[in-house]
Amino acid sequence: MLSIGFRAIYELVGRYQSDKYHKGINSWTHLISMLFCHLPYHNN
């Protein structure tokens, strides 16, 4: 299920060219880093 969400986000980035003028990290790296930051707060 999680891979479907990642694939959808990757397709949206390609469709709308949101990484066209990025200066540093791209959308994929930003998504992974934000998920990694929230991971320690998940206590299930």
Foldseek 3Di string as FASTA:
>chain_A
DVVVVVVVVVVVCVVVVPQVDDDDDGPVVVVVVVCVVCVVVDDD
